[in-house]
């Protein structure tokens, strides 16, 4: 038998780009995190086994953490925690020793252009503002955008549509209890009575636009706002735009829900 002169390559290295979700935590208590994640993503896996890094920079003077419990909460929503970043040396050491999560370097993103915050309307008065909760979830995704997904049928309670990697255009009503999600922007040319989550992969320049606003929840890049006591009268039933604004000094953007001038 002739022996080939070529040596078998047992290990090959190839460059690639993978989606990695960075999750800024304000608690390490699984019960509290499960409640917050459930409000945003529901009870079904939202991600498809994406890798996740926990940002610990906002955690200060916390009791002993349940690292395995935190990992299990995120795993139920389709996220595989691969490590941590930021925070104190003690927290990072504990994450590695107990949770088996190594530390990754923190790379600061450049400040966004000033036009993102110019002309922003003032926030609503605290006594009338619906509950605003931040679930800071951001991602670096290198894949090209997918084609726009069009939906031309009404969505009933319990139905969910996800435009992965692109924009979503809905041409019929999103009824109460229904949910529309897109990695890009969401355009609804009909009543929005359910939930709309744009920028689901972390795109904080995504927007939600609808012609009749009666929403239960809206979200851009993980920053969301609920309307448990009803939509403010100045927005109810009107064309609305939802977007994020953020000053360079701010870690988390501010969600703006404002009337959309259609003329």
C-alpha atoms as a PDB file:
ATOM      1  CA  UNK A   1       0.000   0.000   0.000  1.00  0.00           C
ATOM      2  CA  UNK A   2       1.391   3.394  -0.968  1.00  0.00           C
ATOM      3  CA  UNK A   3       1.734   5.954   1.812  1.00  0.00           C
ATOM      4  CA  UNK A   4       0.728   9.492   1.030  1.00  0.00           C
ATOM      5  CA  UNK A   5       3.305  12.175   1.629  1.00  0.00           C
ATOM      6  CA  UNK A   6       0.670  14.570   2.924  1.00  0.00           C
ATOM      7  CA  UNK A   7       0.360  14.815   6.706  1.00  0.00           C
ATOM      8  CA  UNK A   8      -3.154  14.490   8.055  1.00  0.00           C
ATOM      9  CA  UNK A   9      -4.381  17.802   9.494  1.00  0.00           C
ATOM     10  CA  UNK A  10      -5.864  16.986  12.894  1.00  0.00           C
ATOM     11  CA  UNK A  11      -6.645  20.604  13.843  1.00  0.00           C
ATOM     12  CA  UNK A  12      -7.763  23.382  11.503  1.00  0.00           C
ATOM     13  CA  UNK A  13      -8.276  27.026  12.452  1.00  0.00           C
ATOM     14  CA  UNK A  14     -10.825  29.161  10.628  1.00  0.00           C
ATOM     15  CA  UNK A  15     -12.050  32.656  11.380  1.00  0.00           C
ATOM     16  CA  UNK A  16     -15.773  33.090  11.918  1.00  0.00           C
ATOM     17  CA  UNK A  17     -18.328  35.492  13.354  1.00  0.00           C
ATOM     18  CA  UNK A  18     -20.771  34.230  15.954  1.00  0.00           C
ATOM     19  CA  UNK A  19     -23.612  36.052  17.705  1.00  0.00           C
ATOM     20  CA  UNK A  20     -22.708  36.771  21.333  1.00  0.00           C
ATOM     21  CA  UNK A  21     -25.347  38.335  23.550  1.00  0.00           C
ATOM     22  CA  UNK A  22     -24.098  40.575  26.362  1.00  0.00           C
ATOM     23  CA  UNK A  23     -26.512  40.666  29.299  1.00  0.00           C
ATOM     24  CA  UNK A  24     -26.105  43.393  31.907  1.00  0.00           C
ATOM     25  CA  UNK A  25     -27.398  42.024  35.194  1.00  0.00           C
ATOM     26  CA  UNK A  26     -28.793  44.073  38.072  1.00  0.00           C
ATOM     27  CA  UNK A  27     -29.492  40.973  40.180  1.00  0.00           C
ATOM     28  CA  UNK A  28     -28.089  37.495  40.638  1.00  0.00           C
ATOM     29  CA  UNK A  29     -31.256  36.068  42.170  1.00  0.00           C
ATOM     30  CA  UNK A  30     -32.770  33.487  39.776  1.00  0.00           C
ATOM     31  CA  UNK A  31     -36.383  34.135  40.809  1.00  0.00           C
ATOM     32  CA  UNK A  32     -36.187  37.857  40.061  1.00  0.00           C
ATOM     33  CA  UNK A  33     -34.360  37.259  36.784  1.00  0.00           C
ATOM     34  CA  UNK A  34     -36.859  34.586  35.725  1.00  0.00           C
ATOM     35  CA  UNK A  35     -39.727  37.021  36.266  1.00  0.00           C
ATOM     36  CA  UNK A  36     -38.043  39.810  34.260  1.00  0.00           C
ATOM     37  CA  UNK A  37     -37.030  37.480  31.423  1.00  0.00           C
ATOM     38  CA  UNK A  38     -40.487  35.900  31.329  1.00  0.00           C
ATOM     39  CA  UNK A  39     -42.148  39.300  30.930  1.00  0.00           C
ATOM     40  CA  UNK A  40     -39.924  40.084  27.972  1.00  0.00           C
ATOM     41  CA  UNK A  41     -39.519  36.720  26.218  1.00  0.00           C
ATOM     42  CA  UNK A  42     -42.485  34.681  27.414  1.00  0.00           C
ATOM     43  CA  UNK A  43     -42.172  31.054  28.486  1.00  0.00           C
ATOM     44  CA  UNK A  44     -40.639  29.654  25.300  1.00  0.00           C
ATOM     45  CA  UNK A  45     -36.992  29.767  24.138  1.00  0.00           C
ATOM     46  CA  UNK A  46     -36.452  33.117  22.434  1.00  0.00           C
ATOM     47  CA  UNK A  47     -32.848  32.584  21.322  1.00  0.00           C
ATOM     48  CA  UNK A  48     -31.504  29.601  19.390  1.00  0.00           C
ATOM     49  CA  UNK A  49     -28.634  28.475  21.586  1.00  0.00           C
ATOM     50  CA  UNK A  50     -26.761  31.782  21.248  1.00  0.00           C
ATOM     51  CA  UNK A  51     -23.676  32.347  23.384  1.00  0.00           C
ATOM     52  CA  UNK A  52     -24.056  34.882  26.201  1.00  0.00           C
ATOM     53  CA  UNK A  53     -21.624  36.866  28.355  1.00  0.00           C
ATOM     54  CA  UNK A  54     -22.830  38.291  31.666  1.00  0.00           C
ATOM     55  CA  UNK A  55     -21.852  41.913  32.317  1.00  0.00           C
ATOM     56  CA  UNK A  56     -21.372  42.298  36.088  1.00  0.00           C
ATOM     57  CA  UNK A  57     -20.508  45.996  36.113  1.00  0.00           C
ATOM     58  CA  UNK A  58     -23.850  47.042  37.621  1.00  0.00           C
ATOM     59  CA  UNK A  59     -23.711  44.618  40.563  1.00  0.00           C
ATOM     60  CA  UNK A  60     -22.622  46.098  43.900  1.00  0.00           C
ATOM     61  CA  UNK A  61     -22.617  44.673  47.446  1.00  0.00           C
ATOM     62  CA  UNK A  62     -24.796  41.692  46.602  1.00  0.00           C
ATOM     63  CA  UNK A  63     -25.443  38.620  48.752  1.00  0.00           C
ATOM     64  CA  UNK A  64     -24.020  35.272  47.704  1.00  0.00           C
ATOM     65  CA  UNK A  65     -24.949  34.634  44.080  1.00  0.00           C
ATOM     66  CA  UNK A  66     -26.700  31.558  42.716  1.00  0.00           C
ATOM     67  CA  UNK A  67     -24.599  31.239  39.572  1.00  0.00           C
ATOM     68  CA  UNK A  68     -26.023  27.911  38.472  1.00  0.00           C
ATOM     69  CA  UNK A  69     -29.557  29.220  38.963  1.00  0.00           C
ATOM     70  CA  UNK A  70     -28.791  32.271  36.802  1.00  0.00           C
ATOM     71  CA  UNK A  71     -27.409  30.032  34.070  1.00  0.00           C
ATOM     72  CA  UNK A  72     -30.509  27.834  34.154  1.00  0.00           C
ATOM     73  CA  UNK A  73     -32.853  30.830  33.852  1.00  0.00           C
ATOM     74  CA  UNK A  74     -31.069  32.050  30.732  1.00  0.00           C
ATOM     75  CA  UNK A  75     -30.792  28.542  29.299  1.00  0.00           C
ATOM     76  CA  UNK A  76     -34.593  28.249  29.361  1.00  0.00           C
ATOM     77  CA  UNK A  77     -34.689  31.188  26.945  1.00  0.00           C
ATOM     78  CA  UNK A  78     -32.127  29.624  24.585  1.00  0.00           C
ATOM     79  CA  UNK A  79     -28.941  31.286  25.881  1.00  0.00           C
ATOM     80  CA  UNK A  80     -25.715  29.440  26.727  1.00  0.00           C
ATOM     81  CA  UNK A  81     -23.659  31.473  29.204  1.00  0.00           C
ATOM     82  CA  UNK A  82     -19.971  31.200  28.284  1.00  0.00           C
ATOM     83  CA  UNK A  83     -18.432  33.734  30.658  1.00  0.00           C
ATOM     84  CA  UNK A  84     -18.542  37.069  32.450  1.00  0.00           C
ATOM     85  CA  UNK A  85     -17.029  40.509  32.132  1.00  0.00           C
ATOM     86  CA  UNK A  86     -16.755  43.634  34.275  1.00  0.00           C
ATOM     87  CA  UNK A  87     -17.632  43.816  37.965  1.00  0.00           C
ATOM     88  CA  UNK A  88     -15.385  43.271  40.963  1.00  0.00           C
ATOM     89  CA  UNK A  89     -12.516  40.820  41.175  1.00  0.00           C
ATOM     90  CA  UNK A  90     -14.446  38.911  43.840  1.00  0.00           C
ATOM     91  CA  UNK A  91     -17.489  38.464  41.606  1.00  0.00           C
ATOM     92  CA  UNK A  92     -15.421  37.343  38.631  1.00  0.00           C
ATOM     93  CA  UNK A  93     -13.449  34.897  40.760  1.00  0.00           C
ATOM     94  CA  UNK A  94     -16.689  33.506  42.213  1.00  0.00           C
ATOM     95  CA  UNK A  95     -18.203  33.158  38.729  1.00  0.00           C
ATOM     96  CA  UNK A  96     -15.179  31.133  37.609  1.00  0.00           C
ATOM     97  CA  UNK A  97     -14.840  29.019  40.756  1.00  0.00           C
ATOM     98  CA  UNK A  98     -18.523  28.222  41.312  1.00  0.00           C
ATOM     99  CA  UNK A  99     -20.176  28.762  37.953  1.00  0.00           C
ATOM    100  CA  UNK A 100     -17.313  27.673  35.713  1.00  0.00           C
ATOM    101  CA  UNK A 101     -17.505  30.955  33.747  1.00  0.00           C
ATOM    102  CA  UNK A 102     -14.210  32.558  32.640  1.00  0.00           C
ATOM    103  CA  UNK A 103     -13.682  36.316  32.375  1.00  0.00           C
ATOM    104  CA  UNK A 104     -13.681  38.109  29.022  1.00  0.00           C
ATOM    105  CA  UNK A 105     -12.112  41.497  28.367  1.00  0.00           C
ATOM    106  CA  UNK A 106     -14.346  44.571  28.240  1.00  0.00           C
ATOM    107  CA  UNK A 107     -14.247  46.444  24.930  1.00  0.00           C
ATOM    108  CA  UNK A 108     -15.933  49.851  25.066  1.00  0.00           C
ATOM    109  CA  UNK A 109     -18.015  50.810  22.044  1.00  0.00           C
ATOM    110  CA  UNK A 110     -17.464  54.264  20.547  1.00  0.00           C
ATOM    111  CA  UNK A 111     -20.056  56.878  21.413  1.00  0.00           C
ATOM    112  CA  UNK A 112     -22.984  57.052  19.004  1.00  0.00           C
ATOM    113  CA  UNK A 113     -23.617  60.059  16.826  1.00  0.00           C
ATOM    114  CA  UNK A 114     -25.245  63.060  18.514  1.00  0.00           C
ATOM    115  CA  UNK A 115     -28.248  63.003  16.180  1.00  0.00           C
ATOM    116  CA  UNK A 116     -29.636  60.055  18.122  1.00  0.00           C
ATOM    117  CA  UNK A 117     -30.511  62.334  21.049  1.00  0.00           C
ATOM    118  CA  UNK A 118     -31.087  65.727  19.433  1.00  0.00           C
ATOM    119  CA  UNK A 119     -34.670  66.924  19.540  1.00  0.00           C
ATOM    120  CA  UNK A 120     -35.775  64.205  21.943  1.00  0.00           C
ATOM    121  CA  UNK A 121     -39.019  64.938  23.714  1.00  0.00           C
ATOM    122  CA  UNK A 122     -38.869  65.287  27.523  1.00  0.00           C
ATOM    123  CA  UNK A 123     -39.824  62.168  29.501  1.00  0.00           C
ATOM    124  CA  UNK A 124     -43.391  61.902  30.780  1.00  0.00           C
ATOM    125  CA  UNK A 125     -44.101  63.104  34.282  1.00  0.00           C
ATOM    126  CA  UNK A 126     -43.266  60.413  36.883  1.00  0.00           C
ATOM    127  CA  UNK A 127     -46.780  60.298  38.326  1.00  0.00           C
ATOM    128  CA  UNK A 128     -48.359  59.439  34.946  1.00  0.00           C
ATOM    129  CA  UNK A 129     -45.573  57.447  33.299  1.00  0.00           C
ATOM    130  CA  UNK A 130     -46.287  53.726  32.695  1.00  0.00           C
ATOM    131  CA  UNK A 131     -43.820  51.328  34.259  1.00  0.00           C
ATOM    132  CA  UNK A 132     -40.477  51.408  32.469  1.00  0.00           C
ATOM    133  CA  UNK A 133     -38.124  48.478  32.975  1.00  0.00           C
ATOM    134  CA  UNK A 134     -34.717  47.899  31.426  1.00  0.00           C
ATOM    135  CA  UNK A 135     -33.534  44.434  30.484  1.00  0.00           C
ATOM    136  CA  UNK A 136     -30.218  45.412  28.869  1.00  0.00           C
ATOM    137  CA  UNK A 137     -29.584  42.800  26.249  1.00  0.00           C
ATOM    138  CA  UNK A 138     -27.200  43.687  23.422  1.00  0.00           C
ATOM    139  CA  UNK A 139     -25.533  41.567  20.763  1.00  0.00           C
ATOM    140  CA  UNK A 140     -22.807  41.743  18.160  1.00  0.00           C
ATOM    141  CA  UNK A 141     -24.092  39.960  15.073  1.00  0.00           C
ATOM    142  CA  UNK A 142     -21.991  39.740  11.946  1.00  0.00           C
ATOM    143  CA  UNK A 143     -24.484  38.065   9.638  1.00  0.00           C
ATOM    144  CA  UNK A 144     -26.040  39.939   6.751  1.00  0.00           C
ATOM    145  CA  UNK A 145     -29.606  41.162   7.185  1.00  0.00           C
ATOM    146  CA  UNK A 146     -32.371  38.846   6.056  1.00  0.00           C
ATOM    147  CA  UNK A 147     -35.151  39.968   3.697  1.00  0.00           C
ATOM    148  CA  UNK A 148     -38.121  41.791   5.194  1.00  0.00           C
ATOM    149  CA  UNK A 149     -40.869  39.486   6.486  1.00  0.00           C
ATOM    150  CA  UNK A 150     -44.441  40.468   5.533  1.00  0.00           C
ATOM    151  CA  UNK A 151     -47.466  39.317   7.551  1.00  0.00           C
ATOM    152  CA  UNK A 152     -50.887  40.029   6.021  1.00  0.00           C
ATOM    153  CA  UNK A 153     -53.169  38.155   8.404  1.00  0.00           C
ATOM    154  CA  UNK A 154     -54.452  39.137  11.867  1.00  0.00           C
ATOM    155  CA  UNK A 155     -52.518  37.725  14.810  1.00  0.00           C
ATOM    156  CA  UNK A 156     -54.600  36.251  17.615  1.00  0.00           C
ATOM    157  CA  UNK A 157     -53.776  35.988  21.314  1.00  0.00           C
ATOM    158  CA  UNK A 158     -50.946  33.509  21.886  1.00  0.00           C
ATOM    159  CA  UNK A 159     -49.510  33.790  18.362  1.00  0.00           C
ATOM    160  CA  UNK A 160     -45.938  34.969  17.864  1.00  0.00           C
ATOM    161  CA  UNK A 161     -44.068  36.097  14.734  1.00  0.00           C
ATOM    162  CA  UNK A 162     -40.269  36.538  14.703  1.00  0.00           C
ATOM    163  CA  UNK A 163     -38.399  38.188  11.807  1.00  0.00           C
ATOM    164  CA  UNK A 164     -34.918  36.859  12.481  1.00  0.00           C
ATOM    165  CA  UNK A 165     -32.133  39.000  11.064  1.00  0.00           C
ATOM    166  CA  UNK A 166     -34.380  41.557   9.359  1.00  0.00           C
ATOM    167  CA  UNK A 167     -37.409  43.861   9.501  1.00  0.00           C
ATOM    168  CA  UNK A 168     -41.045  42.913   9.997  1.00  0.00           C
ATOM    169  CA  UNK A 169     -44.022  44.481   8.201  1.00  0.00           C
ATOM    170  CA  UNK A 170     -47.496  43.646   9.525  1.00  0.00           C
ATOM    171  CA  UNK A 171     -50.517  44.537   7.389  1.00  0.00           C
ATOM    172  CA  UNK A 172     -53.228  43.413   9.790  1.00  0.00           C
ATOM    173  CA  UNK A 173     -54.064  43.744  13.479  1.00  0.00           C
ATOM    174  CA  UNK A 174     -51.766  42.476  16.228  1.00  0.00           C
ATOM    175  CA  UNK A 175     -54.420  41.617  18.794  1.00  0.00           C
ATOM    176  CA  UNK A 176     -54.071  41.571  22.569  1.00  0.00           C
ATOM    177  CA  UNK A 177     -51.929  38.642  23.699  1.00  0.00           C
ATOM    178  CA  UNK A 178     -50.146  38.344  20.332  1.00  0.00           C
ATOM    179  CA  UNK A 179     -46.453  39.156  19.934  1.00  0.00           C
ATOM    180  CA  UNK A 180     -44.343  40.403  17.022  1.00  0.00           C
ATOM    181  CA  UNK A 181     -40.543  40.341  17.211  1.00  0.00           C
ATOM    182  CA  UNK A 182     -37.822  41.447  14.801  1.00  0.00           C
ATOM    183  CA  UNK A 183     -34.064  41.791  14.876  1.00  0.00           C
ATOM    184  CA  UNK A 184     -34.612  44.946  12.825  1.00  0.00           C
ATOM    185  CA  UNK A 185     -37.500  47.432  12.811  1.00  0.00           C
ATOM    186  CA  UNK A 186     -41.229  46.683  12.996  1.00  0.00           C
ATOM    187  CA  UNK A 187     -43.826  48.434  10.812  1.00  0.00           C
ATOM    188  CA  UNK A 188     -47.486  47.823  11.668  1.00  0.00           C
ATOM    189  CA  UNK A 189     -50.077  49.288   9.277  1.00  0.00           C
ATOM    190  CA  UNK A 190     -52.949  48.290  11.545  1.00  0.00           C
ATOM    191  CA  UNK A 191     -53.835  48.358  15.247  1.00  0.00           C
ATOM    192  CA  UNK A 192     -51.123  47.197  17.665  1.00  0.00           C
ATOM    193  CA  UNK A 193     -52.944  45.805  20.695  1.00  0.00           C
ATOM    194  CA  UNK A 194     -50.372  43.185  21.717  1.00  0.00           C
ATOM    195  CA  UNK A 195     -46.611  43.246  22.180  1.00  0.00           C
ATOM    196  CA  UNK A 196     -43.943  44.475  19.749  1.00  0.00           C
ATOM    197  CA  UNK A 197     -40.205  43.886  20.310  1.00  0.00           C
ATOM    198  CA  UNK A 198     -37.799  45.399  17.759  1.00  0.00           C
ATOM    199  CA  UNK A 199     -34.006  45.216  17.763  1.00  0.00           C
ATOM    200  CA  UNK A 200     -34.262  41.815  19.438  1.00  0.00           C
ATOM    201  CA  UNK A 201     -30.657  40.994  18.529  1.00  0.00           C
ATOM    202  CA  UNK A 202     -29.374  44.206  20.120  1.00  0.00           C
ATOM    203  CA  UNK A 203     -29.835  46.770  17.316  1.00  0.00           C
ATOM    204  CA  UNK A 204     -30.566  49.922  19.317  1.00  0.00           C
ATOM    205  CA  UNK A 205     -31.226  51.940  16.142  1.00  0.00           C
ATOM    206  CA  UNK A 206     -34.299  49.817  15.345  1.00  0.00           C
ATOM    207  CA  UNK A 207     -37.755  51.392  15.558  1.00  0.00           C
ATOM    208  CA  UNK A 208     -41.402  50.454  15.903  1.00  0.00           C
ATOM    209  CA  UNK A 209     -43.940  52.341  13.791  1.00  0.00           C
ATOM    210  CA  UNK A 210     -47.657  51.681  13.838  1.00  0.00           C
ATOM    211  CA  UNK A 211     -50.757  53.447  12.584  1.00  0.00           C
ATOM    212  CA  UNK A 212     -52.956  52.748  15.633  1.00  0.00           C
ATOM    213  CA  UNK A 213     -51.306  52.401  19.028  1.00  0.00           C
ATOM    214  CA  UNK A 214     -53.054  50.330  21.715  1.00  0.00           C
ATOM    215  CA  UNK A 215     -50.073  48.254  22.833  1.00  0.00           C
ATOM    216  CA  UNK A 216     -49.525  46.065  25.880  1.00  0.00           C
ATOM    217  CA  UNK A 217     -45.724  46.297  25.612  1.00  0.00           C
ATOM    218  CA  UNK A 218     -43.109  47.767  23.280  1.00  0.00           C
ATOM    219  CA  UNK A 219     -39.363  47.139  23.335  1.00  0.00           C
ATOM    220  CA  UNK A 220     -36.263  48.293  21.500  1.00  0.00           C
ATOM    221  CA  UNK A 221     -33.042  46.289  22.031  1.00  0.00           C
ATOM    222  CA  UNK A 222     -34.249  44.948  25.367  1.00  0.00           C
ATOM    223  CA  UNK A 223     -35.430  48.265  26.842  1.00  0.00           C
ATOM    224  CA  UNK A 224     -39.149  47.890  27.250  1.00  0.00           C
ATOM    225  CA  UNK A 225     -42.212  49.730  28.442  1.00  0.00           C
ATOM    226  CA  UNK A 226     -45.507  48.251  29.539  1.00  0.00           C
ATOM    227  CA  UNK A 227     -48.933  49.847  29.554  1.00  0.00           C
ATOM    228  CA  UNK A 228     -50.641  47.951  32.344  1.00  0.00           C
ATOM    229  CA  UNK A 229     -52.840  50.924  33.258  1.00  0.00           C
ATOM    230  CA  UNK A 230     -53.594  51.784  29.638  1.00  0.00           C
ATOM    231  CA  UNK A 231     -51.970  53.810  26.893  1.00  0.00           C
ATOM    232  CA  UNK A 232     -51.695  57.571  27.589  1.00  0.00           C
ATOM    233  CA  UNK A 233     -54.541  59.483  25.983  1.00  0.00           C
ATOM    234  CA  UNK A 234     -52.196  61.496  23.764  1.00  0.00           C
ATOM    235  CA  UNK A 235     -50.979  58.230  22.165  1.00  0.00           C
ATOM    236  CA  UNK A 236     -54.041  55.979  22.291  1.00  0.00           C
ATOM    237  CA  UNK A 237     -55.368  55.025  18.860  1.00  0.00           C
ATOM    238  CA  UNK A 238     -52.920  57.313  17.061  1.00  0.00           C
ATOM    239  CA  UNK A 239     -49.928  56.748  14.757  1.00  0.00           C
ATOM    240  CA  UNK A 240     -46.875  56.263  16.966  1.00  0.00           C
ATOM    241  CA  UNK A 241     -43.115  55.857  16.676  1.00  0.00           C
ATOM    242  CA  UNK A 242     -41.014  54.028  19.271  1.00  0.00           C
ATOM    243  CA  UNK A 243     -37.261  54.565  19.357  1.00  0.00           C
ATOM    244  CA  UNK A 244     -34.277  54.684  21.701  1.00  0.00           C
ATOM    245  CA  UNK A 245     -32.296  57.761  22.579  1.00  0.00           C
ATOM    246  CA  UNK A 246     -29.045  57.694  24.501  1.00  0.00           C
ATOM    247  CA  UNK A 247     -26.481  60.254  25.555  1.00  0.00           C
ATOM    248  CA  UNK A 248     -22.807  59.245  25.174  1.00  0.00           C
ATOM    249  CA  UNK A 249     -22.458  59.221  28.978  1.00  0.00           C
ATOM    250  CA  UNK A 250     -25.368  56.824  29.479  1.00  0.00           C
ATOM    251  CA  UNK A 251     -25.010  53.048  29.651  1.00  0.00           C
ATOM    252  CA  UNK A 252     -28.677  52.379  28.953  1.00  0.00           C
ATOM    253  CA  UNK A 253     -30.864  54.178  26.425  1.00  0.00           C
ATOM    254  CA  UNK A 254     -34.201  55.848  27.109  1.00  0.00           C
ATOM    255  CA  UNK A 255     -37.259  54.547  25.315  1.00  0.00           C
ATOM    256  CA  UNK A 256     -39.275  57.220  23.519  1.00  0.00           C
ATOM    257  CA  UNK A 257     -42.905  56.594  22.566  1.00  0.00           C
ATOM    258  CA  UNK A 258     -44.095  59.586  20.576  1.00  0.00           C
ATOM    259  CA  UNK A 259     -46.810  60.585  18.092  1.00  0.00           C
ATOM    260  CA  UNK A 260     -45.878  59.968  14.462  1.00  0.00           C
ATOM    261  CA  UNK A 261     -46.629  62.753  12.029  1.00  0.00           C
ATOM    262  CA  UNK A 262     -48.086  61.026   8.991  1.00  0.00           C
ATOM    263  CA  UNK A 263     -48.771  64.108   6.867  1.00  0.00           C
END
